[in-house]
Amino acid sequence: MSTTRRDFIKQSAIATAGTYLGAMGFSAKSYANIIGANDRVRVGVVGFSDRFKDTLLPCFLHHNKELNFDIVAVSDLWNYRRGLGVDHLKSKFGHDITGCRNNEELYGLKDIDAVIVSTADFQHAVHAIEAVQAKCDVYCEKPFAETMEDNRAALKAIKASKQVVQIGSQRRSGNNYKAAANFIKDGKFGAITMVELSWNVNQPGRWRRPALVERLREQDTDWKRFLINRPFEAWDPRKYLEYRLFWPYSSGMPGQWMSHQIDTVHWFTGLQHPRSVTANGGIYQWKDGRRNWDTTTAVFDYGPQNDPQNGFQVVFTSRMHNGDERPAEIYYSNGGELNLITNKISPKGGLTENAAKAMNMKANLLAEASLPSLASPVAASANTGGDALSSAHMRNWMECIRSRKETNAPVEAGYYHSIANIMTNAAVRTGGKATFDEKRQEVLVNGKVFKY
């Protein structure tokens, strides 16, 4: 474990305790309280978003007292949201919260140990770089990166640091997902032959913020800082607040939804990215000025790079005009299926005796099993609240800050889901087949590097 500021304070205090306890008049109890305060992990919030307020903060509050974590500051470019953040956090923690106009002010406080990054999709990688360069541990929402330039830069900066980073791919902290990963990796499922992923909603207001758009004024924020490294566009409050509908500030469906699901493919198989991606879709229903599709179908080819005859197909479908948001993740093998909607392993669709007999083969049928029954027990405190996955994921990050161990979703998880995401964007934007150049770590379409 690297020597951080709080470690130095604590170790120095312990080393000199014998000399100063009597001289300063400290009792053993008061001295213990000082050590506890010095060991507290002080967290800053980068972006007071709905995701942070409604999900990440409640998850943090499930564990912060037990693990001695505190939130002390919030950074947001918009003065209105910054003020909301200060007031909301003050009501939750019972002490003053420092409001920062930007991240430079946040890291200039010099007493921030860790940050939770929940900003616009295209900003995540850059904000993660800023955090580790300020020697802060990071919980970074996904998608990790929307361009390979940002993806490579963030991977390099984080790997060069000693900071603990958790990518917000919370499935990696789910007990049922861990059981599924072990079942597949142990060879009990057989070779994966196909994966079906879907995420459907029927919400004209999904990712829309009309009331906030009416309130936002350019003079109340910092449009230039918001754009970071994206091409300059004239001020547009919709792009600021409804960024998930507008490329290149977000890829929409791939970055928000597919990145979660495609990460399980990488995790379960050990494969780092697709061999190729094709995609089709369009804006068929919600013609409200958005740039990103409301209907998407993407087809991925996965397998060893040097063995094109072996592998499997992944299909991701998503629509925003019909559905009840019950994301589907079904893995198929010749012997049956592993269904992460029902959390069941079953022989459904497997090779039956009658079908096998015609080709002088043996039947191949998986035994019925429940993923929860295959999972290891998990501490109740890790699964508190409505979003058990996010709660367990937040706790894992906090525990790893203490232990300096690797998190469930380290930076590599974000780097690899971003490759799949960017390949999908390339296929969407060009209509071509996207591939990946291992040597250059670049996404290609028709042999040319994809640039947004």
Protein backbone atom coordinates (compact mmCIF):
# COMPACT_ATOMS: atom_id res chain seq x y z
CA MET A 1 0.00 0.00 0.00
CA SER A 2 1.39 3.39 -0.98
CA THR A 3 1.96 5.96 1.74
CA THR A 4 -0.92 8.38 1.40
CA ARG A 5 -1.51 11.55 3.34
CA ARG A 6 -3.83 9.91 5.84
CA ASP A 7 -1.45 6.96 6.32
CA PHE A 8 1.40 9.36 7.03
CA ILE A 9 -0.63 11.27 9.60
CA LYS A 10 -1.80 8.10 11.29
CA GLN A 11 1.64 6.45 11.35
CA SER A 12 3.32 9.62 12.61
CA ALA A 13 0.74 9.98 15.36
CA ILE A 14 1.25 6.39 16.48
CA ALA A 15 5.03 6.73 16.44
CA THR A 16 5.01 9.80 18.67
CA ALA A 17 2.07 8.87 20.88
CA GLY A 18 4.21 7.91 23.86
CA THR A 19 5.90 11.29 23.91
CA TYR A 20 2.88 13.51 23.39
CA LEU A 21 -0.02 11.81 25.13
CA GLY A 22 0.93 12.96 28.61
CA ALA A 23 2.32 16.31 27.55
CA MET A 24 -0.81 17.26 25.60
CA GLY A 25 -3.22 15.92 28.20
CA PHE A 26 -4.95 13.45 25.82
CA SER A 27 -6.82 10.53 27.29
CA ALA A 28 -6.65 7.18 25.53
CA LYS A 29 -10.24 7.70 24.31
CA SER A 30 -9.65 11.18 22.89
CA TYR A 31 -6.47 9.99 21.18
CA ALA A 32 -8.40 7.14 19.55
CA ASN A 33 -10.93 9.65 18.24
CA ILE A 34 -8.16 11.70 16.63
CA ILE A 35 -6.76 8.60 14.92
CA GLY A 36 -10.26 7.82 13.61
CA ALA A 37 -10.64 11.30 12.18
CA ASN A 38 -7.25 11.17 10.51
CA ASP A 39 -8.10 7.80 8.98
CA ARG A 40 -11.36 9.07 7.49
CA VAL A 41 -11.51 8.92 3.69
CA ARG A 42 -12.70 12.28 2.39
CA VAL A 43 -14.60 12.08 -0.87
CA GLY A 44 -15.42 14.70 -3.48
CA VAL A 45 -18.29 14.49 -5.96
CA VAL A 46 -17.52 15.28 -9.61
CA GLY A 47 -20.89 16.14 -11.14
CA PHE A 48 -24.09 16.40 -9.09
CA SER A 49 -26.13 14.26 -11.49
CA ASP A 50 -29.40 12.38 -11.10
CA ARG A 51 -27.41 9.14 -11.19
CA PHE A 52 -25.28 10.30 -8.27
CA LYS A 53 -28.16 11.74 -6.23
CA ASP A 54 -30.65 8.90 -6.73
CA THR A 55 -28.39 5.83 -6.79
CA LEU A 56 -24.72 6.31 -6.00
CA LEU A 57 -25.23 8.53 -2.94
CA PRO A 58 -27.76 6.19 -1.27
CA CYS A 59 -25.36 3.30 -1.91
CA PHE A 60 -22.50 5.31 -0.37
CA LEU A 61 -24.67 6.09 2.66
CA HIS A 62 -25.27 2.37 3.24
CA HIS A 63 -21.59 1.86 4.07
CA ASN A 64 -19.82 5.15 4.82
CA LYS A 65 -20.19 5.15 8.61
CA GLU A 66 -19.01 1.58 8.97
CA LEU A 67 -16.00 2.15 6.71
CA ASN A 68 -15.31 5.73 7.92
CA PHE A 69 -15.92 7.59 4.65
CA ASP A 70 -17.25 11.12 4.33
CA ILE A 71 -18.26 13.44 1.48
CA VAL A 72 -16.83 16.91 1.90
CA ALA A 73 -17.09 18.68 -1.47
CA VAL A 74 -18.96 18.75 -4.77
CA SER A 75 -17.83 20.08 -8.14
CA ASP A 76 -20.35 21.10 -10.79
CA LEU A 77 -20.04 23.63 -13.61
CA TRP A 78 -23.66 24.81 -13.32
CA ASN A 79 -24.21 27.06 -10.31
CA TYR A 80 -27.80 25.82 -9.86
CA ARG A 81 -26.86 22.15 -9.61
CA ARG A 82 -23.80 22.99 -7.55
CA GLY A 83 -26.03 24.73 -5.04
CA LEU A 84 -28.47 21.81 -5.02
CA GLY A 85 -25.54 19.47 -4.41
CA VAL A 86 -24.20 21.48 -1.48
CA ASP A 87 -27.62 21.69 0.16
CA HIS A 88 -28.51 18.03 -0.42
CA LEU A 89 -25.18 16.69 0.83
CA LYS A 90 -25.23 19.00 3.84
CA SER A 91 -28.64 17.60 4.80
CA LYS A 92 -27.32 14.03 4.51
CA PHE A 93 -24.00 14.43 6.32
CA GLY A 94 -24.80 17.15 8.84
CA HIS A 95 -21.77 19.34 8.12
CA ASP A 96 -20.66 21.98 5.64
CA ILE A 97 -19.95 20.94 2.04
CA THR A 98 -17.56 22.88 -0.16
CA GLY A 99 -19.02 23.81 -3.53
CA CYS A 100 -16.47 24.00 -6.36
CA ARG A 101 -17.01 25.72 -9.70
CA ASN A 102 -14.80 23.18 -11.49
CA ASN A 103 -12.45 20.28 -10.84
CA GLU A 104 -9.39 22.49 -10.51
CA GLU A 105 -11.00 24.10 -7.47
CA LEU A 106 -11.94 20.67 -6.12
CA TYR A 107 -8.41 19.26 -6.29
CA GLY A 108 -7.02 22.57 -5.07
CA LEU A 109 -8.63 21.87 -1.70
CA LYS A 110 -5.72 19.45 -1.03
CA ASP A 111 -7.75 17.31 1.36
CA ILE A 112 -9.65 15.09 -1.07
CA ASP A 113 -8.70 11.40 -0.95
CA ALA A 114 -11.19 10.00 -3.46
CA VAL A 115 -13.85 11.12 -5.94
CA ILE A 116 -17.05 9.78 -7.45
CA VAL A 117 -17.26 10.75 -11.14
CA SER A 118 -20.80 11.00 -12.51
CA THR A 119 -20.60 13.53 -15.31
CA ALA A 120 -21.54 13.46 -19.02
CA ASP A 121 -20.60 10.24 -20.84
CA PHE A 122 -17.84 11.78 -22.97
CA GLN A 123 -16.21 13.37 -19.90
CA HIS A 124 -15.66 10.23 -17.79
CA ALA A 125 -12.21 9.28 -19.10
CA VAL A 126 -10.84 12.83 -18.84
CA HIS A 127 -12.23 13.26 -15.34
CA ALA A 128 -10.69 9.94 -14.29
CA ILE A 129 -7.31 11.15 -15.57
CA GLU A 130 -7.64 14.40 -13.59
CA ALA A 131 -8.47 12.42 -10.45
CA VAL A 132 -5.54 10.01 -10.51
CA GLN A 133 -3.16 12.82 -11.39
CA ALA A 134 -4.41 14.52 -8.22
CA LYS A 135 -3.62 11.26 -6.39
CA CYS A 136 -7.27 10.49 -5.71
CA ASP A 137 -8.96 7.10 -5.86
CA VAL A 138 -11.87 7.01 -8.29
CA TYR A 139 -15.33 5.54 -8.71
CA CYS A 140 -15.99 6.31 -12.39
CA GLU A 141 -19.37 5.83 -14.01
CA LYS A 142 -19.57 4.05 -17.33
CA PRO A 143 -19.20 4.28 -20.28
CA PHE A 144 -15.52 4.73 -19.53
CA ALA A 145 -14.61 6.32 -22.88
CA GLU A 146 -16.35 7.17 -26.14
CA THR A 147 -13.19 7.58 -28.28
CA MET A 148 -10.04 5.48 -28.46
CA GLU A 149 -7.89 8.57 -27.88
CA ASP A 150 -9.59 9.15 -24.51
CA ASN A 151 -9.61 5.42 -23.78
CA ARG A 152 -5.87 4.97 -24.30
CA ALA A 153 -4.98 8.14 -22.40
CA ALA A 154 -7.07 7.15 -19.38
CA LEU A 155 -5.73 3.59 -19.30
CA LYS A 156 -2.15 4.88 -19.43
CA ALA A 157 -2.68 7.48 -16.69
CA ILE A 158 -4.43 5.07 -14.33
CA LYS A 159 -1.93 2.24 -14.83
CA ALA A 160 0.91 4.70 -14.15
CA SER A 161 -0.70 5.73 -10.87
CA LYS A 162 -1.18 3.88 -7.60
CA GLN A 163 -4.83 4.82 -7.30
CA VAL A 164 -7.76 2.48 -6.72
CA VAL A 165 -10.24 2.75 -9.59
CA GLN A 166 -13.68 1.20 -9.85
CA ILE A 167 -15.52 1.40 -13.17
CA GLY A 168 -19.30 1.59 -12.71
CA SER A 169 -19.94 -1.85 -14.25
CA GLN A 170 -21.86 -3.01 -11.20
CA ARG A 171 -22.74 -6.44 -12.58
CA ARG A 172 -19.20 -7.44 -11.56
CA SER A 173 -20.26 -7.16 -7.92
CA GLY A 174 -23.44 -9.18 -8.36
CA ASN A 175 -23.54 -12.57 -6.71
CA ASN A 176 -25.58 -14.13 -9.53
CA TYR A 177 -23.15 -12.77 -12.14
CA LYS A 178 -20.17 -14.10 -10.21
CA ALA A 179 -21.83 -17.53 -10.11
CA ALA A 180 -22.48 -17.36 -13.87
CA ALA A 181 -18.88 -16.37 -14.55
CA ASN A 182 -17.55 -19.28 -12.51
CA PHE A 183 -19.97 -21.76 -14.11
CA ILE A 184 -18.81 -20.77 -17.62
CA LYS A 185 -15.11 -20.47 -16.79
CA ASP A 186 -15.13 -23.90 -15.12
CA GLY A 187 -16.32 -25.46 -18.41
CA LYS A 188 -19.64 -26.65 -16.97
CA PHE A 189 -21.69 -24.70 -19.49
CA GLY A 190 -19.77 -25.84 -22.56
CA ALA A 191 -18.67 -23.61 -25.40
CA ILE A 192 -20.76 -20.46 -25.82
CA THR A 193 -22.48 -20.56 -29.20
CA MET A 194 -24.47 -17.30 -29.02
CA VAL A 195 -25.47 -14.49 -26.65
CA GLU A 196 -28.65 -12.44 -26.86
CA LEU A 197 -28.71 -9.04 -25.15
CA SER A 198 -31.59 -6.58 -25.14
CA TRP A 199 -32.64 -3.42 -23.29
CA ASN A 200 -36.02 -1.91 -24.15
CA VAL A 201 -38.08 0.98 -22.74
CA ASN A 202 -41.14 2.96 -23.79
CA GLN A 203 -40.31 6.41 -22.50
CA PRO A 204 -40.55 9.56 -24.64
CA GLY A 205 -38.91 11.40 -21.74
CA ARG A 206 -35.95 9.06 -21.33
CA TRP A 207 -32.83 11.24 -21.20
CA ARG A 208 -34.95 14.37 -21.73
CA ARG A 209 -34.76 17.25 -19.19
CA PRO A 210 -37.19 19.91 -20.54
CA ALA A 211 -37.74 21.73 -17.23
CA LEU A 212 -34.01 21.98 -16.56
CA VAL A 213 -33.32 23.03 -20.16
CA GLU A 214 -35.70 25.97 -19.65
CA ARG A 215 -33.83 26.98 -16.48
CA LEU A 216 -30.25 26.72 -17.77
CA ARG A 217 -28.47 29.86 -19.03
CA GLU A 218 -25.03 29.93 -20.62
CA GLN A 219 -23.77 32.57 -18.16
CA ASP A 220 -24.58 30.22 -15.27
CA THR A 221 -22.16 27.52 -16.37
CA ASP A 222 -18.93 27.02 -18.33
CA TRP A 223 -19.72 25.75 -21.82
CA LYS A 224 -16.08 25.68 -22.92
CA ARG A 225 -15.06 23.51 -19.97
CA PHE A 226 -18.07 21.29 -20.54
CA LEU A 227 -16.96 20.51 -24.13
CA ILE A 228 -13.46 19.50 -22.93
CA ASN A 229 -11.88 18.00 -26.08
CA ARG A 230 -14.98 17.77 -28.30
CA PRO A 231 -15.35 19.99 -31.38
CA PHE A 232 -16.75 23.40 -30.55
CA GLU A 233 -20.47 23.90 -31.11
CA ALA A 234 -22.60 26.92 -30.33
CA TRP A 235 -24.23 26.98 -26.88
CA ASP A 236 -27.09 24.51 -26.63
CA PRO A 237 -28.69 23.71 -23.24
CA ARG A 238 -30.16 20.49 -24.67
CA LYS A 239 -26.70 19.14 -25.46
CA TYR A 240 -25.57 20.14 -21.97
CA LEU A 241 -28.45 18.45 -20.12
CA GLU A 242 -29.73 15.90 -22.65
CA TYR A 243 -26.28 14.86 -23.86
CA ARG A 244 -27.23 11.17 -24.13
CA LEU A 245 -29.30 12.05 -27.18
CA PHE A 246 -26.46 13.82 -28.99
CA TRP A 247 -23.32 12.34 -30.52
CA PRO A 248 -20.39 13.05 -29.93
CA TYR A 249 -21.34 13.79 -26.30
CA SER A 250 -22.75 10.28 -25.91
CA SER A 251 -23.35 7.22 -28.04
CA GLY A 252 -26.75 6.76 -26.39
CA MET A 253 -27.85 3.14 -26.29
CA PRO A 254 -24.40 1.54 -26.74
CA GLY A 255 -22.70 3.59 -24.05
CA GLN A 256 -25.55 3.64 -21.56
CA TRP A 257 -26.93 0.12 -21.84
CA MET A 258 -24.84 -2.12 -24.06
CA SER A 259 -21.63 -1.29 -22.17
CA HIS A 260 -23.08 -3.01 -19.07
CA GLN A 261 -24.09 -6.14 -20.92
CA ILE A 262 -21.11 -6.51 -23.24
CA ASP A 263 -18.85 -6.29 -20.19
CA THR A 264 -20.27 -9.59 -18.94
CA VAL A 265 -19.24 -11.22 -22.25
CA HIS A 266 -15.65 -10.07 -21.70
CA TRP A 267 -15.72 -11.13 -18.05
CA PHE A 268 -17.25 -14.56 -18.61
CA THR A 269 -15.03 -15.47 -21.60
CA GLY A 270 -11.74 -13.64 -21.00
CA LEU A 271 -12.03 -12.10 -24.49
CA GLN A 272 -11.09 -8.45 -24.58
CA HIS A 273 -13.17 -7.15 -27.49
CA PRO A 274 -15.14 -8.25 -30.57
CA ARG A 275 -13.45 -9.31 -33.77
CA SER A 276 -16.00 -7.24 -35.72
CA VAL A 277 -19.23 -5.28 -35.30
CA THR A 278 -22.01 -4.35 -37.70
CA ALA A 279 -25.08 -2.29 -36.77
CA ASN A 280 -28.32 -0.91 -38.11
CA GLY A 281 -31.15 1.22 -36.80
CA GLY A 282 -32.51 4.73 -36.83
CA ILE A 283 -34.75 7.36 -35.27
CA TYR A 284 -38.13 5.82 -35.99
CA GLN A 285 -40.37 7.14 -33.20
CA TRP A 286 -39.04 10.08 -31.16
CA LYS A 287 -38.34 12.80 -33.73
CA ASP A 288 -37.39 15.48 -31.23
CA GLY A 289 -34.12 16.73 -32.73
CA ARG A 290 -31.96 13.99 -31.25
CA ARG A 291 -28.93 12.61 -33.10
CA ASN A 292 -28.70 9.21 -31.45
CA TRP A 293 -30.92 6.35 -32.59
CA ASP A 294 -34.07 5.27 -30.77
CA THR A 295 -33.77 1.75 -32.26
CA THR A 296 -30.55 -0.24 -32.55
CA THR A 297 -29.47 -3.73 -33.58
CA ALA A 298 -25.76 -4.55 -33.36
CA VAL A 299 -24.15 -7.88 -34.25
CA PHE A 300 -20.77 -8.83 -32.77
CA ASP A 301 -18.39 -11.58 -33.78
CA TYR A 302 -16.32 -12.84 -30.83
CA GLY A 303 -13.52 -15.36 -30.68
CA PRO A 304 -9.73 -15.77 -30.82
CA GLN A 305 -8.11 -13.32 -33.22
CA ASN A 306 -5.93 -16.04 -34.74
CA ASP A 307 -8.71 -18.62 -35.06
CA PRO A 308 -11.60 -17.25 -37.16
CA GLN A 309 -13.22 -20.70 -37.40
CA ASN A 310 -14.00 -20.69 -33.68
CA GLY A 311 -16.12 -18.21 -31.82
CA PHE A 312 -19.70 -17.08 -31.34
CA GLN A 313 -22.10 -14.27 -32.15
CA VAL A 314 -23.54 -11.66 -29.79
CA VAL A 315 -26.67 -9.73 -30.76
CA PHE A 316 -27.64 -6.52 -28.94
CA THR A 317 -31.05 -5.00 -29.60
CA SER A 318 -32.57 -1.92 -28.03
CA ARG A 319 -35.68 0.16 -28.61
CA MET A 320 -37.00 3.21 -26.79
CA HIS A 321 -40.63 3.04 -27.99
CA ASN A 322 -41.82 -0.32 -26.65
CA GLY A 323 -40.65 -2.20 -23.57
CA ASP A 324 -40.66 -2.44 -19.80
CA GLU A 325 -36.92 -2.17 -19.01
CA ARG A 326 -36.22 -5.77 -18.10
CA PRO A 327 -32.77 -6.16 -19.67
CA ALA A 328 -32.28 -9.60 -21.22
CA GLU A 329 -28.99 -11.50 -21.07
CA ILE A 330 -29.15 -15.07 -22.33
CA TYR A 331 -26.10 -17.23 -23.02
CA TYR A 332 -26.55 -20.29 -25.25
CA SER A 333 -24.54 -23.48 -25.59
CA ASN A 334 -25.26 -26.75 -27.38
CA GLY A 335 -26.52 -28.12 -24.08
CA GLY A 336 -28.97 -25.38 -23.08
CA GLU A 337 -29.02 -21.82 -21.81
CA LEU A 338 -27.88 -19.59 -18.96
CA ASN A 339 -30.55 -16.95 -18.45
CA LEU A 340 -29.67 -13.89 -16.38
CA ILE A 341 -33.26 -12.68 -16.37
CA THR A 342 -34.51 -15.76 -14.53
CA ASN A 343 -31.09 -16.59 -12.98
CA LYS A 344 -31.57 -20.17 -14.18
CA ILE A 345 -29.37 -22.66 -15.99
CA SER A 346 -31.54 -25.04 -17.98
CA PRO A 347 -31.45 -27.66 -20.79
CA LYS A 348 -33.83 -25.47 -22.83
CA GLY A 349 -32.87 -25.68 -26.50
CA GLY A 350 -30.15 -28.27 -25.81
CA LEU A 351 -29.37 -31.26 -28.03
CA THR A 352 -32.09 -33.85 -27.32
CA GLU A 353 -31.73 -37.60 -27.65
CA ASN A 354 -33.97 -37.77 -30.72
CA ALA A 355 -32.13 -34.98 -32.52
CA ALA A 356 -28.75 -36.50 -31.66
CA LYS A 357 -29.69 -40.05 -32.69
CA ALA A 358 -30.22 -39.05 -36.32
CA MET A 359 -26.53 -38.15 -36.55
CA ASN A 360 -25.31 -41.00 -34.34
CA MET A 361 -24.47 -38.57 -31.55
CA LYS A 362 -25.20 -38.44 -27.84
CA ALA A 363 -27.70 -36.08 -26.28
CA ASN A 364 -26.26 -32.96 -24.65
CA LEU A 365 -28.52 -31.43 -22.01
CA LEU A 366 -27.53 -29.24 -19.07
CA ALA A 367 -28.91 -30.02 -15.63
CA GLU A 368 -31.36 -27.55 -14.12
CA ALA A 369 -29.69 -25.17 -11.66
CA SER A 370 -30.31 -21.83 -9.96
CA LEU A 371 -27.54 -19.24 -10.06
CA PRO A 372 -28.26 -17.99 -6.51
CA SER A 373 -27.81 -21.54 -5.21
CA LEU A 374 -24.40 -21.68 -6.91
CA ALA A 375 -23.27 -18.33 -5.51
CA SER A 376 -21.16 -17.73 -2.43
CA PRO A 377 -22.88 -16.00 0.49
CA VAL A 378 -22.55 -12.20 0.50
CA ALA A 379 -22.62 -9.86 3.47
CA ALA A 380 -26.09 -8.43 4.01
CA SER A 381 -24.64 -4.92 4.30
CA ALA A 382 -23.33 -5.16 0.74
CA ASN A 383 -26.83 -5.73 -0.64
CA THR A 384 -28.73 -3.04 1.21
CA GLY A 385 -31.35 -0.97 -0.60
CA GLY A 386 -33.16 -0.99 -3.90
CA ASP A 387 -30.13 -1.27 -6.16
CA ALA A 388 -28.27 -4.19 -4.63
CA LEU A 389 -25.71 -4.39 -7.46
CA SER A 390 -24.71 -0.73 -7.13
CA SER A 391 -24.60 -0.98 -3.34
CA ALA A 392 -22.30 -4.01 -3.44
CA HIS A 393 -20.17 -2.30 -6.09
CA MET A 394 -19.80 0.89 -4.07
CA ARG A 395 -18.86 -1.12 -0.99
CA ASN A 396 -16.24 -3.05 -2.96
CA TRP A 397 -14.63 0.24 -4.02
CA MET A 398 -14.61 1.55 -0.47
CA GLU A 399 -13.13 -1.67 0.91
CA CYS A 400 -10.44 -1.67 -1.78
CA ILE A 401 -9.47 1.89 -0.88
CA ARG A 402 -8.82 0.53 2.61
CA SER A 403 -7.00 -2.63 1.50
CA ARG A 404 -5.40 -1.21 -1.70
CA LYS A 405 -6.53 -4.36 -3.50
CA GLU A 406 -7.86 -4.39 -7.07
CA THR A 407 -11.55 -3.63 -7.43
CA ASN A 408 -14.15 -5.91 -9.03
CA ALA A 409 -14.19 -3.65 -12.11
CA PRO A 410 -10.66 -2.29 -12.60
CA VAL A 411 -9.68 0.09 -15.38
CA GLU A 412 -9.20 -2.78 -17.85
CA ALA A 413 -12.92 -3.59 -17.61
CA GLY A 414 -13.69 -0.04 -18.71
CA TYR A 415 -11.04 -0.06 -21.41
CA TYR A 416 -12.40 -3.23 -23.01
CA HIS A 417 -16.09 -2.34 -22.85
CA SER A 418 -15.14 0.99 -24.41
CA ILE A 419 -13.49 -0.78 -27.36
CA ALA A 420 -16.75 -2.66 -28.02
CA ASN A 421 -18.69 0.57 -27.56
CA ILE A 422 -16.49 2.54 -29.95
CA MET A 423 -16.61 -0.27 -32.53
CA THR A 424 -20.40 -0.10 -32.34
CA ASN A 425 -20.32 3.69 -32.76
CA ALA A 426 -18.08 3.26 -35.80
CA ALA A 427 -20.49 0.78 -37.38
CA VAL A 428 -23.47 3.04 -36.55
CA ARG A 429 -21.86 6.21 -37.90
CA THR A 430 -20.39 4.76 -41.10
CA GLY A 431 -22.65 1.84 -42.00
CA GLY A 432 -19.53 -0.33 -42.37
CA LYS A 433 -18.06 -3.28 -40.52
CA ALA A 434 -15.86 -2.18 -37.62
CA THR A 435 -12.75 -4.15 -36.64
CA PHE A 436 -9.95 -3.59 -34.15
CA ASP A 437 -6.23 -3.14 -34.81
CA GLU A 438 -4.44 -4.77 -31.87
CA LYS A 439 -1.05 -3.24 -32.63
CA ARG A 440 -2.27 0.34 -32.91
CA GLN A 441 -5.17 -0.09 -30.47
CA GLU A 442 -7.45 1.61 -32.97
CA VAL A 443 -10.94 0.96 -34.30
CA LEU A 444 -11.01 0.57 -38.08
CA VAL A 445 -13.72 0.72 -40.71
CA ASN A 446 -12.69 -0.50 -44.17
CA GLY A 447 -9.08 -0.35 -43.03
CA LYS A 448 -9.26 3.31 -41.95
CA VAL A 449 -9.09 4.62 -38.39
CA PHE A 450 -12.52 5.71 -37.18
CA LYS A 451 -12.68 9.35 -36.04
CA TYR A 452 -15.84 10.91 -34.72
